[in-house]
Amino acid sequence: MKPHIHALLVATLLVALPRPCVAQEFARLDVIIKPFEAVGKADPEFAKSLWQQLTQAIERKSDFRVALGGSAYYYLKGEVLTDEKRHLVTLQLFKAKTDRSLWLANYDYRRATADTMATDVIAALYSVPSSDTWH
């Protein structure tokens, strides 16, 4: 094949391939963080405070936009558990359209900060392949 015909073929394919629109690219940065659930003897006010701190840390440390509801590509659920032996925060990230779990982590909240958890959540969000978000 002659070089100019090959270049024309590649250019035609690039134009013809579907690409996400700008709105879809920006929407990919939306994440809903549902209020944390207090489990066992966990203080509901502590769970609410930790949820707020994590939300602020994610927005401060990344380009992700946090929402309380509506539509988004991802959502994060959290549970704060306290009993006689454990003090845990469980975070789970889901793809909103399919409710498919993308990531899960447990933290001893006496040793982990909201910034530490936010760093892990952001890394998980950025690790989702962009091709996965459109299905």
N, C-alpha and C. Protein backbone atom coordinates (compact mmCIF):
# COMPACT_ATOMS: atom_id res chain seq x y z
N MET A 1 0.85 -1.17 0.00
CA MET A 1 0.00 0.00 0.00
C MET A 1 0.90 1.24 0.00
N LYS A 2 0.53 2.23 -0.78
CA LYS A 2 1.32 3.45 -0.87
C LYS A 2 1.17 4.24 0.43
N PRO A 3 2.23 4.95 0.85
CA PRO A 3 2.19 5.67 2.14
C PRO A 3 1.05 6.67 2.25
N HIS A 4 0.75 7.40 1.19
CA HIS A 4 -0.32 8.41 1.30
C HIS A 4 -1.69 7.76 1.42
N ILE A 5 -1.89 6.59 0.82
CA ILE A 5 -3.16 5.87 0.96
C ILE A 5 -3.27 5.30 2.37
N HIS A 6 -2.17 4.81 2.90
CA HIS A 6 -2.17 4.30 4.27
C HIS A 6 -2.50 5.42 5.27
N ALA A 7 -1.92 6.59 5.09
CA ALA A 7 -2.18 7.73 5.96
C ALA A 7 -3.64 8.16 5.86
N LEU A 8 -4.19 8.15 4.65
CA LEU A 8 -5.59 8.51 4.45
C LEU A 8 -6.51 7.51 5.14
N LEU A 9 -6.18 6.24 5.06
CA LEU A 9 -6.97 5.19 5.72
C LEU A 9 -6.96 5.37 7.24
N VAL A 10 -5.80 5.62 7.82
CA VAL A 10 -5.69 5.84 9.27
C VAL A 10 -6.48 7.07 9.68
N ALA A 11 -6.37 8.16 8.93
CA ALA A 11 -7.10 9.38 9.26
C ALA A 11 -8.61 9.15 9.19
N THR A 12 -9.06 8.39 8.20
CA THR A 12 -10.49 8.08 8.08
C THR A 12 -10.97 7.26 9.26
N LEU A 13 -10.19 6.29 9.68
CA LEU A 13 -10.57 5.48 10.84
C LEU A 13 -10.64 6.31 12.11
N LEU A 14 -9.69 7.21 12.31
CA LEU A 14 -9.70 8.05 13.50
C LEU A 14 -10.93 8.93 13.56
N VAL A 15 -11.35 9.46 12.42
CA VAL A 15 -12.55 10.31 12.38
C VAL A 15 -13.80 9.47 12.60
N ALA A 16 -13.81 8.25 12.08
CA ALA A 16 -15.01 7.42 12.14
C ALA A 16 -15.22 6.74 13.49
N LEU A 17 -14.15 6.57 14.28
CA LEU A 17 -14.30 5.89 15.56
C LEU A 17 -15.09 6.75 16.54
N PRO A 18 -16.01 6.13 17.28
CA PRO A 18 -16.78 6.91 18.25
C PRO A 18 -15.88 7.37 19.40
N ARG A 19 -16.08 8.61 19.79
CA ARG A 19 -15.34 9.17 20.92
C ARG A 19 -16.34 9.76 21.91
N PRO A 20 -16.04 9.69 23.19
CA PRO A 20 -16.95 10.31 24.16
C PRO A 20 -16.92 11.81 23.98
N CYS A 21 -18.06 12.42 24.20
CA CYS A 21 -18.12 13.88 24.09
C CYS A 21 -17.49 14.51 25.33
N VAL A 22 -17.29 15.81 25.27
CA VAL A 22 -16.66 16.53 26.37
C VAL A 22 -17.46 16.37 27.66
N ALA A 23 -18.78 16.41 27.55
CA ALA A 23 -19.62 16.25 28.75
C ALA A 23 -19.40 14.89 29.40
N GLN A 24 -19.24 13.85 28.59
CA GLN A 24 -18.99 12.53 29.14
C GLN A 24 -17.64 12.48 29.83
N GLU A 25 -16.64 13.11 29.24
CA GLU A 25 -15.31 13.14 29.87
C GLU A 25 -15.37 13.84 31.22
N PHE A 26 -16.10 14.96 31.30
CA PHE A 26 -16.21 15.66 32.58
C PHE A 26 -17.06 14.87 33.56
N ALA A 27 -18.11 14.23 33.07
CA ALA A 27 -18.98 13.44 33.96
C ALA A 27 -18.23 12.27 34.56
N ARG A 28 -17.20 11.79 33.88
CA ARG A 28 -16.41 10.68 34.41
C ARG A 28 -15.76 11.07 35.73
N LEU A 29 -15.65 12.35 35.99
CA LEU A 29 -15.04 12.83 37.23
C LEU A 29 -16.04 12.97 38.37
N ASP A 30 -17.29 12.62 38.13
CA ASP A 30 -18.32 12.70 39.17
C ASP A 30 -18.33 11.43 40.01
N VAL A 31 -18.40 11.59 41.31
CA VAL A 31 -18.50 10.46 42.21
C VAL A 31 -19.47 10.83 43.34
N ILE A 32 -20.36 9.93 43.66
CA ILE A 32 -21.28 10.13 44.78
C ILE A 32 -20.69 9.43 45.98
N ILE A 33 -20.66 10.13 47.09
CA ILE A 33 -20.22 9.51 48.34
C ILE A 33 -21.43 9.49 49.27
N LYS A 34 -21.95 8.31 49.44
CA LYS A 34 -23.14 8.16 50.28
C LYS A 34 -22.76 8.33 51.74
N PRO A 35 -23.66 8.89 52.55
CA PRO A 35 -23.36 9.02 53.99
C PRO A 35 -22.99 7.67 54.59
N PHE A 36 -21.98 7.70 55.45
CA PHE A 36 -21.49 6.47 56.07
C PHE A 36 -22.51 5.92 57.05
N GLU A 37 -22.58 4.61 57.11
CA GLU A 37 -23.46 3.92 58.03
C GLU A 37 -22.69 3.58 59.30
N ALA A 38 -23.27 3.89 60.45
CA ALA A 38 -22.68 3.53 61.74
C ALA A 38 -23.20 2.14 62.12
N VAL A 39 -22.28 1.19 62.37
CA VAL A 39 -22.63 -0.20 62.65
C VAL A 39 -22.13 -0.56 64.04
N GLY A 40 -22.88 -1.41 64.72
CA GLY A 40 -22.48 -1.82 66.06
C GLY A 40 -22.60 -0.66 67.03
N LYS A 41 -21.54 -0.42 67.79
CA LYS A 41 -21.54 0.65 68.78
C LYS A 41 -20.94 1.94 68.25
N ALA A 42 -20.78 2.03 66.93
CA ALA A 42 -20.18 3.23 66.33
C ALA A 42 -21.09 4.44 66.53
N ASP A 43 -20.49 5.55 66.83
CA ASP A 43 -21.20 6.81 67.03
C ASP A 43 -21.62 7.37 65.67
N PRO A 44 -22.92 7.57 65.45
CA PRO A 44 -23.38 8.10 64.16
C PRO A 44 -22.78 9.48 63.83
N GLU A 45 -22.55 10.28 64.85
CA GLU A 45 -21.94 11.60 64.62
C GLU A 45 -20.49 11.46 64.15
N PHE A 46 -19.78 10.48 64.68
CA PHE A 46 -18.42 10.23 64.23
C PHE A 46 -18.43 9.77 62.77
N ALA A 47 -19.36 8.87 62.43
CA ALA A 47 -19.48 8.39 61.05
C ALA A 47 -19.77 9.55 60.10
N LYS A 48 -20.63 10.47 60.52
CA LYS A 48 -20.97 11.64 59.70
C LYS A 48 -19.75 12.55 59.53
N SER A 49 -19.02 12.76 60.61
CA SER A 49 -17.83 13.60 60.57
C SER A 49 -16.75 13.01 59.65
N LEU A 50 -16.54 11.71 59.76
CA LEU A 50 -15.54 11.04 58.92
C LEU A 50 -15.95 11.11 57.45
N TRP A 51 -17.22 10.92 57.17
CA TRP A 51 -17.75 11.03 55.81
C TRP A 51 -17.48 12.43 55.24
N GLN A 52 -17.74 13.45 56.04
CA GLN A 52 -17.51 14.83 55.59
C GLN A 52 -16.01 15.09 55.35
N GLN A 53 -15.18 14.60 56.24
CA GLN A 53 -13.73 14.78 56.09
C GLN A 53 -13.21 14.09 54.83
N LEU A 54 -13.70 12.88 54.57
CA LEU A 54 -13.27 12.15 53.39
C LEU A 54 -13.73 12.86 52.11
N THR A 55 -14.95 13.34 52.11
CA THR A 55 -15.47 14.08 50.97
C THR A 55 -14.60 15.29 50.66
N GLN A 56 -14.28 16.07 51.69
CA GLN A 56 -13.45 17.26 51.52
C GLN A 56 -12.05 16.88 51.04
N ALA A 57 -11.49 15.82 51.58
CA ALA A 57 -10.14 15.40 51.19
C ALA A 57 -10.09 14.96 49.73
N ILE A 58 -11.11 14.25 49.27
CA ILE A 58 -11.14 13.81 47.87
C ILE A 58 -11.21 15.02 46.95
N GLU A 59 -12.05 15.98 47.27
CA GLU A 59 -12.16 17.18 46.44
C GLU A 59 -10.88 18.01 46.48
N ARG A 60 -10.25 18.07 47.61
CA ARG A 60 -9.03 18.87 47.78
C ARG A 60 -7.84 18.24 47.04
N LYS A 61 -7.79 16.91 47.01
CA LYS A 61 -6.62 16.21 46.49
C LYS A 61 -6.76 15.72 45.05
N SER A 62 -7.91 15.98 44.40
CA SER A 62 -8.12 15.43 43.06
C SER A 62 -9.01 16.35 42.23
N ASP A 63 -9.26 15.91 40.99
CA ASP A 63 -10.18 16.62 40.10
C ASP A 63 -11.59 16.06 40.19
N PHE A 64 -11.80 15.07 41.04
CA PHE A 64 -13.12 14.47 41.14
C PHE A 64 -14.08 15.41 41.84
N ARG A 65 -15.32 15.42 41.33
CA ARG A 65 -16.38 16.24 41.92
C ARG A 65 -17.27 15.32 42.74
N VAL A 66 -17.45 15.64 43.99
CA VAL A 66 -18.23 14.81 44.90
C VAL A 66 -19.65 15.34 44.97
N ALA A 67 -20.61 14.43 44.86
CA ALA A 67 -22.02 14.78 44.96
C ALA A 67 -22.67 13.90 46.03
N LEU A 68 -23.79 14.37 46.54
CA LEU A 68 -24.52 13.59 47.53
C LEU A 68 -25.55 12.68 46.89
N GLY A 69 -25.96 13.01 45.69
CA GLY A 69 -26.96 12.20 45.00
C GLY A 69 -26.95 12.56 43.52
N GLY A 70 -27.97 12.09 42.82
CA GLY A 70 -28.04 12.34 41.39
C GLY A 70 -27.35 11.22 40.63
N SER A 71 -26.89 11.56 39.44
CA SER A 71 -26.22 10.55 38.63
C SER A 71 -24.73 10.82 38.58
N ALA A 72 -23.98 9.78 38.57
CA ALA A 72 -22.52 9.85 38.50
C ALA A 72 -22.03 8.51 37.96
N TYR A 73 -20.78 8.45 37.56
CA TYR A 73 -20.21 7.20 37.07
C TYR A 73 -19.85 6.25 38.20
N TYR A 74 -19.56 6.82 39.37
CA TYR A 74 -19.13 6.01 40.51
C TYR A 74 -19.87 6.43 41.76
N TYR A 75 -19.96 5.50 42.70
CA TYR A 75 -20.40 5.88 44.04
C TYR A 75 -19.59 5.09 45.07
N LEU A 76 -19.44 5.72 46.22
CA LEU A 76 -18.66 5.15 47.32
C LEU A 76 -19.58 4.97 48.51
N LYS A 77 -19.54 3.78 49.10
CA LYS A 77 -20.29 3.50 50.31
C LYS A 77 -19.29 3.26 51.43
N GLY A 78 -19.67 3.66 52.62
CA GLY A 78 -18.79 3.45 53.75
C GLY A 78 -19.56 2.99 54.98
N GLU A 79 -18.90 2.18 55.78
CA GLU A 79 -19.44 1.74 57.07
C GLU A 79 -18.39 1.98 58.14
N VAL A 80 -18.86 2.45 59.28
CA VAL A 80 -17.99 2.62 60.44
C VAL A 80 -18.47 1.61 61.47
N LEU A 81 -17.58 0.72 61.88
CA LEU A 81 -17.92 -0.37 62.79
C LEU A 81 -17.09 -0.25 64.06
N THR A 82 -17.78 -0.31 65.18
CA THR A 82 -17.09 -0.34 66.46
C THR A 82 -17.74 -1.43 67.31
N ASP A 83 -16.91 -2.28 67.87
CA ASP A 83 -17.37 -3.23 68.88
C ASP A 83 -16.25 -3.36 69.90
N GLU A 84 -16.29 -4.38 70.71
CA GLU A 84 -15.28 -4.52 71.76
C GLU A 84 -13.87 -4.73 71.21
N LYS A 85 -13.74 -5.26 70.00
CA LYS A 85 -12.44 -5.63 69.46
C LYS A 85 -11.97 -4.77 68.30
N ARG A 86 -12.89 -4.23 67.53
CA ARG A 86 -12.51 -3.58 66.28
C ARG A 86 -13.02 -2.15 66.19
N HIS A 87 -12.29 -1.37 65.41
CA HIS A 87 -12.68 -0.01 65.07
C HIS A 87 -12.36 0.14 63.59
N LEU A 88 -13.32 -0.20 62.74
CA LEU A 88 -13.06 -0.30 61.31
C LEU A 88 -13.89 0.67 60.49
N VAL A 89 -13.30 1.10 59.39
CA VAL A 89 -14.02 1.79 58.33
C VAL A 89 -13.87 0.91 57.10
N THR A 90 -14.98 0.56 56.50
CA THR A 90 -14.97 -0.19 55.25
C THR A 90 -15.46 0.74 54.16
N LEU A 91 -14.65 0.89 53.11
CA LEU A 91 -15.02 1.70 51.96
C LEU A 91 -15.15 0.79 50.76
N GLN A 92 -16.20 1.02 49.96
CA GLN A 92 -16.39 0.22 48.77
C GLN A 92 -16.82 1.13 47.63
N LEU A 93 -16.09 1.05 46.52
CA LEU A 93 -16.35 1.86 45.34
C LEU A 93 -17.09 1.02 44.31
N PHE A 94 -18.14 1.59 43.72
CA PHE A 94 -18.97 0.90 42.75
C PHE A 94 -19.07 1.70 41.46
N LYS A 95 -19.27 1.01 40.37
CA LYS A 95 -19.65 1.64 39.12
C LYS A 95 -21.16 1.84 39.19
N ALA A 96 -21.62 3.07 39.08
CA ALA A 96 -23.02 3.38 39.33
C ALA A 96 -23.98 2.70 38.35
N LYS A 97 -23.63 2.66 37.10
CA LYS A 97 -24.55 2.13 36.09
C LYS A 97 -24.85 0.65 36.28
N THR A 98 -23.87 -0.10 36.77
CA THR A 98 -24.04 -1.55 36.89
C THR A 98 -24.01 -2.05 38.34
N ASP A 99 -23.71 -1.17 39.29
CA ASP A 99 -23.54 -1.55 40.71
C ASP A 99 -22.43 -2.58 40.89
N ARG A 100 -21.50 -2.61 39.95
CA ARG A 100 -20.37 -3.53 40.04
C ARG A 100 -19.32 -2.96 40.98
N SER A 101 -18.87 -3.78 41.91
CA SER A 101 -17.84 -3.36 42.86
C SER A 101 -16.50 -3.24 42.13
N LEU A 102 -15.84 -2.10 42.32
CA LEU A 102 -14.55 -1.83 41.68
C LEU A 102 -13.39 -1.90 42.66
N TRP A 103 -13.68 -1.67 43.95
CA TRP A 103 -12.60 -1.58 44.93
C TRP A 103 -13.20 -1.67 46.33
N LEU A 104 -12.43 -2.25 47.24
CA LEU A 104 -12.85 -2.40 48.64
C LEU A 104 -11.62 -2.29 49.52
N ALA A 105 -11.76 -1.57 50.62
CA ALA A 105 -10.65 -1.46 51.58
C ALA A 105 -11.21 -1.31 52.99
N ASN A 106 -10.46 -1.84 53.94
CA ASN A 106 -10.78 -1.70 55.36
C ASN A 106 -9.67 -0.92 56.05
N TYR A 107 -10.05 -0.08 56.99
CA TYR A 107 -9.10 0.74 57.73
C TYR A 107 -9.42 0.68 59.22
N ASP A 108 -8.40 0.66 60.04
CA ASP A 108 -8.58 0.88 61.47
C ASP A 108 -8.63 2.39 61.63
N TYR A 109 -9.80 2.94 61.95
CA TYR A 109 -9.94 4.38 61.93
C TYR A 109 -9.20 5.07 63.08
N ARG A 110 -8.65 4.32 64.00
CA ARG A 110 -7.80 4.94 65.03
C ARG A 110 -6.41 5.21 64.47
N ARG A 111 -6.07 4.57 63.35
CA ARG A 111 -4.73 4.71 62.77
C ARG A 111 -4.73 5.38 61.39
N ALA A 112 -5.85 5.41 60.72
CA ALA A 112 -5.92 5.99 59.37
C ALA A 112 -6.65 7.33 59.41
N THR A 113 -6.18 8.24 58.59
CA THR A 113 -6.83 9.55 58.50
C THR A 113 -7.70 9.61 57.25
N ALA A 114 -8.55 10.63 57.20
CA ALA A 114 -9.38 10.83 56.01
C ALA A 114 -8.50 11.07 54.79
N ASP A 115 -7.37 11.76 54.97
CA ASP A 115 -6.45 12.00 53.85
C ASP A 115 -5.87 10.69 53.31
N THR A 116 -5.52 9.78 54.20
CA THR A 116 -5.00 8.48 53.78
C THR A 116 -6.05 7.72 52.98
N MET A 117 -7.27 7.70 53.49
CA MET A 117 -8.35 7.01 52.79
C MET A 117 -8.64 7.69 51.46
N ALA A 118 -8.62 9.02 51.43
CA ALA A 118 -8.88 9.75 50.19
C ALA A 118 -7.84 9.42 49.13
N THR A 119 -6.58 9.32 49.52
CA THR A 119 -5.51 8.97 48.58
C THR A 119 -5.79 7.60 47.95
N ASP A 120 -6.23 6.65 48.76
CA ASP A 120 -6.53 5.31 48.25
C ASP A 120 -7.75 5.33 47.33
N VAL A 121 -8.79 6.07 47.70
CA VAL A 121 -10.00 6.16 46.88
C VAL A 121 -9.66 6.80 45.53
N ILE A 122 -8.89 7.87 45.56
CA ILE A 122 -8.51 8.57 44.32
C ILE A 122 -7.70 7.64 43.42
N ALA A 123 -6.77 6.90 44.00
CA ALA A 123 -5.98 5.95 43.21
C ALA A 123 -6.89 4.90 42.58
N ALA A 124 -7.88 4.43 43.32
CA ALA A 124 -8.82 3.44 42.78
C ALA A 124 -9.64 4.04 41.64
N LEU A 125 -10.08 5.28 41.81
CA LEU A 125 -10.86 5.94 40.76
C LEU A 125 -10.04 6.12 39.49
N TYR A 126 -8.80 6.54 39.65
CA TYR A 126 -7.94 6.75 38.48
C TYR A 126 -7.52 5.43 37.84
N SER A 127 -7.59 4.33 38.57
CA SER A 127 -7.16 3.05 38.00
C SER A 127 -8.25 2.39 37.16
N VAL A 128 -9.49 2.89 37.22
CA VAL A 128 -10.56 2.32 36.41
C VAL A 128 -10.30 2.73 34.96
N PRO A 129 -10.18 1.77 34.05
CA PRO A 129 -9.93 2.12 32.65
C PRO A 129 -11.06 2.98 32.09
N SER A 130 -10.73 4.00 31.33
CA SER A 130 -11.75 4.88 30.79
C SER A 130 -12.70 4.13 29.87
N SER A 131 -12.24 3.08 29.23
CA SER A 131 -13.12 2.29 28.37
C SER A 131 -14.19 1.58 29.19
N ASP A 132 -13.93 1.34 30.45
CA ASP A 132 -14.89 0.64 31.31
C ASP A 132 -16.05 1.54 31.70
N THR A 133 -15.89 2.84 31.66
CA THR A 133 -16.91 3.74 32.15
C THR A 133 -18.10 3.86 31.22
N TRP A 134 -17.98 3.48 29.97
CA TRP A 134 -19.07 3.69 29.03
C TRP A 134 -19.98 2.48 28.89
N HIS A 135 -19.69 1.39 29.59
CA HIS A 135 -20.51 0.17 29.47
C HIS A 135 -21.44 0.04 30.64
